[in-house]
Amino acid sequence: MGKRLKICCAVSAIFLIIILVTLLVLFFTVFKSKEPIISPLPATLTYLEPELPPPEITLNVSLAITATVDNRNYGVFKYENSTAYINYHKEVIAAAPILEGRISARSKQNITTTVDVLLATVNELSNPVNIWIDYNNGVFNLTSSTTMHGKVSPLNMIKIYKSHQSLHM
């Protein structure tokens, strides 16, 4: 083998090693998949129908729920169908579907869903005293929680499974 061929092979090997090390460092640092950040926005009351025949309070409420999902990854985040749960004093009182979708790389997207809540004192709640106290105070504290499962595709090459649970209070 000639001297030029040996030098060419050595330079090519060094160049290939540098490229591989650079790609490996980028993959484990910059392109490492991160969980999306879910930030709740204030819910909008779209419908309210209270019924007050003593001793029972019944509330028929429609809420528009919006959350901002921040995809911090350098790849598309594709999330699956999910469910948002509405809780009243730690009891699930309603569920709202979240349809599957995708969020572009390094972007934010608002996800909106509507939920109908039927809240009754006697039939559905284990502690109906809370609804009377909240009704007299004029405030009903509801919380929502959801878990989003999905896949991140960095540079559309490799799919990495990610999920994120969010509890909004």
Protein backbone atom coordinates (compact mmCIF):
# COMPACT_ATOMS: atom_id res chain seq x y z
CA MET A 1 0.00 0.00 0.00
CA GLY A 2 1.34 3.40 -0.95
CA LYS A 3 2.05 6.23 1.42
CA ARG A 4 -0.69 8.42 -0.11
CA LEU A 5 -3.29 5.69 0.28
CA LYS A 6 -2.39 5.21 3.96
CA ILE A 7 -2.66 8.96 4.61
CA CYS A 8 -6.00 9.12 2.76
CA CYS A 9 -7.39 6.17 4.77
CA ALA A 10 -6.16 7.68 8.06
CA VAL A 11 -7.68 11.10 7.30
CA SER A 12 -10.96 9.47 6.20
CA ALA A 13 -11.08 7.34 9.37
CA ILE A 14 -10.40 10.37 11.60
CA PHE A 15 -13.05 12.39 9.75
CA LEU A 16 -15.57 9.53 10.13
CA ILE A 17 -14.81 9.20 13.86
CA ILE A 18 -15.27 12.96 14.36
CA ILE A 19 -18.64 12.86 12.58
CA LEU A 20 -19.80 9.83 14.60
CA VAL A 21 -18.74 11.40 17.92
CA THR A 22 -20.47 14.67 16.98
CA LEU A 23 -23.70 12.86 16.07
CA LEU A 24 -23.54 10.80 19.27
CA VAL A 25 -23.07 13.92 21.41
CA LEU A 26 -25.94 15.68 19.63
CA PHE A 27 -28.22 12.67 20.02
CA PHE A 28 -27.63 12.39 23.78
CA THR A 29 -27.82 16.14 24.48
CA VAL A 30 -29.71 18.34 22.03
CA PHE A 31 -31.92 15.68 20.44
CA LYS A 32 -32.68 13.88 23.71
CA SER A 33 -36.46 13.65 24.02
CA LYS A 34 -38.07 15.76 26.71
CA GLU A 35 -41.54 15.58 28.20
CA PRO A 36 -43.92 18.19 26.83
CA ILE A 37 -45.01 20.90 29.26
CA ILE A 38 -48.78 21.13 29.76
CA SER A 39 -50.01 24.48 31.07
CA PRO A 40 -53.70 24.90 31.91
CA LEU A 41 -55.59 28.00 30.89
CA PRO A 42 -58.64 29.24 32.83
CA ALA A 43 -61.75 27.22 32.01
CA THR A 44 -64.64 29.02 30.35
CA LEU A 45 -68.13 28.47 31.69
CA THR A 46 -70.34 28.00 28.64
CA TYR A 47 -73.56 26.84 30.31
CA LEU A 48 -74.89 26.80 33.88
CA GLU A 49 -78.26 25.54 35.05
CA PRO A 50 -78.70 25.29 38.83
CA GLU A 51 -81.71 23.50 40.31
CA LEU A 52 -82.39 24.10 43.97
CA PRO A 53 -85.31 22.01 45.21
CA PRO A 54 -84.43 21.37 48.87
CA PRO A 55 -82.60 19.36 50.13
CA GLU A 56 -80.77 18.74 46.85
CA ILE A 57 -78.63 20.96 44.65
CA THR A 58 -78.14 19.92 41.05
CA LEU A 59 -75.76 21.78 38.75
CA ASN A 60 -75.69 21.18 35.03
CA VAL A 61 -72.50 22.87 33.78
CA SER A 62 -70.67 22.96 30.44
CA LEU A 63 -66.99 23.91 30.59
CA ALA A 64 -64.60 24.70 27.75
CA ILE A 65 -61.17 23.47 28.86
CA THR A 66 -58.00 24.67 27.14
CA ALA A 67 -54.42 23.66 27.84
CA THR A 68 -51.23 24.78 26.12
CA VAL A 69 -48.81 21.97 25.26
CA ASP A 70 -45.21 23.10 24.76
CA ASN A 71 -43.19 20.63 22.67
CA ARG A 72 -39.56 21.34 23.61
CA ASN A 73 -38.19 18.62 21.34
CA TYR A 74 -36.40 18.91 18.00
CA GLY A 75 -38.93 16.52 16.55
CA VAL A 76 -42.67 16.13 16.08
CA PHE A 77 -44.67 15.02 19.15
CA LYS A 78 -47.58 12.79 18.11
CA TYR A 79 -50.00 12.18 20.97
CA GLU A 80 -52.70 9.54 21.22
CA ASN A 81 -56.36 9.85 22.19
CA SER A 82 -56.61 10.74 25.85
CA THR A 83 -59.11 11.77 28.50
CA ALA A 84 -59.21 14.78 30.80
CA TYR A 85 -60.90 14.15 34.14
CA ILE A 86 -62.77 16.80 36.12
CA ASN A 87 -62.69 16.35 39.90
CA TYR A 88 -64.74 17.91 42.67
CA HIS A 89 -63.22 17.37 46.13
CA LYS A 90 -61.12 14.44 44.82
CA GLU A 91 -64.11 12.71 43.18
CA VAL A 92 -64.24 12.31 39.40
CA ILE A 93 -67.44 13.95 38.21
CA ALA A 94 -66.82 14.18 34.46
CA ALA A 95 -64.51 13.10 31.67
CA ALA A 96 -63.67 14.91 28.44
CA PRO A 97 -62.08 13.33 25.37
CA ILE A 98 -58.84 14.71 23.93
CA LEU A 99 -58.45 13.64 20.32
CA GLU A 100 -55.09 12.51 18.94
CA GLY A 101 -52.92 15.02 17.17
CA ARG A 102 -49.41 16.23 16.55
CA ILE A 103 -47.36 19.20 17.64
CA SER A 104 -44.53 20.49 15.48
CA ALA A 105 -40.96 20.61 16.73
CA ARG A 106 -40.13 23.39 19.21
CA SER A 107 -43.66 24.84 19.16
CA LYS A 108 -46.71 25.35 21.36
CA GLN A 109 -50.27 24.32 20.63
CA ASN A 110 -53.57 24.93 22.41
CA ILE A 111 -55.69 21.83 22.93
CA THR A 112 -59.37 22.52 23.61
CA THR A 113 -62.17 20.22 24.70
CA THR A 114 -65.65 20.66 26.13
CA VAL A 115 -67.01 18.77 29.10
CA ASP A 116 -70.54 18.56 30.48
CA VAL A 117 -70.72 18.24 34.26
CA LEU A 118 -73.83 17.12 36.09
CA LEU A 119 -73.24 17.60 39.80
CA ALA A 120 -75.90 16.36 42.23
CA THR A 121 -75.69 16.23 46.01
CA VAL A 122 -77.56 13.10 46.99
CA ASN A 123 -76.99 10.64 44.20
CA GLU A 124 -73.40 11.07 43.07
CA LEU A 125 -71.23 12.57 45.80
CA SER A 126 -69.93 10.72 48.82
CA ASN A 127 -69.93 13.94 50.89
CA PRO A 128 -72.87 16.14 49.81
CA VAL A 129 -72.12 18.70 52.54
CA ASN A 130 -69.30 20.15 50.40
CA ILE A 131 -71.67 21.24 47.66
CA TRP A 132 -73.81 23.19 50.15
CA ILE A 133 -70.75 24.92 51.60
CA ASP A 134 -69.42 25.80 48.14
CA TYR A 135 -72.85 26.94 46.96
CA ASN A 136 -73.20 29.29 49.94
CA ASN A 137 -69.68 30.65 49.31
CA GLY A 138 -70.43 31.12 45.61
CA VAL A 139 -67.36 29.15 44.48
CA PHE A 140 -67.08 25.59 43.17
CA ASN A 141 -63.45 24.48 43.06
CA LEU A 142 -62.94 21.97 40.29
CA THR A 143 -59.64 20.38 39.31
CA SER A 144 -58.69 18.58 36.13
CA SER A 145 -56.07 15.99 35.35
CA THR A 146 -54.93 14.25 32.22
CA THR A 147 -52.19 11.96 30.96
CA MET A 148 -50.97 12.34 27.40
CA HIS A 149 -49.11 9.47 25.75
CA GLY A 150 -47.23 10.00 22.53
CA LYS A 151 -44.12 9.55 20.44
CA VAL A 152 -41.35 12.00 19.68
CA SER A 153 -39.58 11.66 16.34
CA PRO A 154 -36.29 13.59 16.47
CA LEU A 155 -35.52 14.73 12.93
CA ASN A 156 -38.09 12.15 11.74
CA MET A 157 -35.52 9.36 12.15
CA ILE A 158 -36.15 7.60 15.48
CA LYS A 159 -39.41 7.31 17.41
CA ILE A 160 -39.15 7.66 21.21
CA TYR A 161 -42.19 6.99 23.40
CA LYS A 162 -43.04 9.72 25.93
CA SER A 163 -45.95 10.40 28.24
CA HIS A 164 -46.76 13.25 30.54
CA GLN A 165 -49.24 13.52 33.36
CA SER A 166 -50.58 16.88 34.34
CA LEU A 167 -52.65 17.83 37.36
CA HIS A 168 -54.26 21.24 37.26
CA MET A 169 -55.47 22.76 40.50
